[in-house]
Amino acid sequence: MEYQVEFIGLVAATLTTSAFLPQVYKTWKTKDVEGLSLVMYIVFLTGVLLWLYYGILIDSLPVIIANTITAFSGGFLIYFKLKYRK
């Protein structure tokens, strides 16, 4: 049963994390950040970093992996927003 729970967590982590990657790629390629909310991404990144810390505290690999990748993605979007804003 424990393996099934971990598998569900890994699938969920893969889906939710990969959902962010097209936005990062599109923003990187187009340099268009007008539709990105800086405040929203700062709040989002803060939440993701707290989830990452929580995952470390409970030693949950799916939570750690997903939130590490998502934190980088959110960080890139914040970076792009600051670099490419008009």
Protein backbone atom coordinates (compact mmCIF):
# COMPACT_ATOMS: atom_id res chain seq x y z
CA MET A 1 0.00 0.00 0.00
CA GLU A 2 2.83 2.42 0.82
CA TYR A 3 4.25 2.04 -2.69
CA GLN A 4 0.85 2.87 -4.20
CA VAL A 5 0.68 6.04 -2.12
CA GLU A 6 4.18 7.07 -3.21
CA PHE A 7 3.31 6.28 -6.83
CA ILE A 8 0.19 8.47 -6.66
CA GLY A 9 2.31 11.24 -5.14
CA LEU A 10 4.93 10.95 -7.86
CA VAL A 11 2.30 11.02 -10.63
CA ALA A 12 0.60 14.05 -9.05
CA ALA A 13 3.98 15.76 -8.63
CA THR A 14 4.89 15.09 -12.25
CA LEU A 15 1.60 16.45 -13.57
CA THR A 16 1.46 19.60 -11.45
CA THR A 17 5.12 20.41 -11.96
CA SER A 18 5.13 19.79 -15.70
CA ALA A 19 2.09 22.06 -16.07
CA PHE A 20 4.36 25.00 -15.27
CA LEU A 21 7.08 24.25 -17.79
CA PRO A 22 5.27 25.48 -20.94
CA GLN A 23 4.77 28.90 -19.31
CA VAL A 24 8.45 29.13 -18.44
CA TYR A 25 9.46 28.09 -21.96
CA LYS A 26 7.01 30.47 -23.66
CA THR A 27 8.12 33.40 -21.49
CA TRP A 28 11.76 32.61 -22.12
CA LYS A 29 11.26 32.43 -25.90
CA THR A 30 8.93 35.42 -26.34
CA LYS A 31 10.25 37.66 -23.55
CA ASP A 32 6.60 38.70 -23.09
CA VAL A 33 5.92 39.14 -19.37
CA GLU A 34 2.98 41.53 -19.56
CA GLY A 35 0.50 38.84 -18.49
CA LEU A 36 2.56 37.72 -15.50
CA SER A 37 1.73 39.07 -12.07
CA LEU A 38 4.90 39.67 -10.05
CA VAL A 39 3.03 39.70 -6.73
CA MET A 40 1.26 36.44 -7.55
CA TYR A 41 4.50 34.70 -8.45
CA ILE A 42 6.26 35.97 -5.32
CA VAL A 43 3.40 34.67 -3.15
CA PHE A 44 3.35 31.44 -5.16
CA LEU A 45 7.11 30.93 -4.80
CA THR A 46 6.90 31.55 -1.07
CA GLY A 47 4.21 28.89 -0.78
CA VAL A 48 6.20 26.44 -2.90
CA LEU A 49 9.29 26.97 -0.75
CA LEU A 50 7.21 26.28 2.35
CA TRP A 51 5.86 23.09 0.72
CA LEU A 52 9.45 22.11 -0.05
CA TYR A 53 10.45 22.66 3.57
CA TYR A 54 7.42 20.64 4.68
CA GLY A 55 8.40 17.83 2.31
CA ILE A 56 11.88 17.80 3.80
CA LEU A 57 10.48 17.72 7.33
CA ILE A 58 8.22 14.75 6.57
CA ASP A 59 10.81 13.13 4.27
CA SER A 60 8.44 12.89 1.29
CA LEU A 61 10.29 12.42 -1.98
CA PRO A 62 7.32 13.40 -4.23
CA VAL A 63 6.78 16.64 -2.31
CA ILE A 64 10.51 17.43 -2.32
CA ILE A 65 11.02 16.75 -6.03
CA ALA A 66 7.89 18.52 -7.21
CA ASN A 67 8.44 21.62 -5.16
CA THR A 68 12.14 21.86 -5.97
CA ILE A 69 11.38 21.87 -9.70
CA THR A 70 8.37 24.17 -9.27
CA ALA A 71 10.44 26.58 -7.14
CA PHE A 72 13.01 26.84 -9.95
CA SER A 73 10.22 27.37 -12.49
CA GLY A 74 8.59 30.07 -10.37
CA GLY A 75 11.97 31.64 -9.74
CA PHE A 76 12.68 31.76 -13.48
CA LEU A 77 9.33 33.44 -14.12
CA ILE A 78 10.05 36.07 -11.46
CA TYR A 79 13.49 36.60 -12.99
CA PHE A 80 11.97 36.97 -16.46
CA LYS A 81 9.32 39.35 -15.13
CA LEU A 82 11.98 41.60 -13.62
CA LYS A 83 14.39 41.35 -16.57
CA TYR A 84 11.90 41.85 -19.41
CA ARG A 85 9.42 44.29 -17.88
CA LYS A 86 8.89 47.51 -19.77
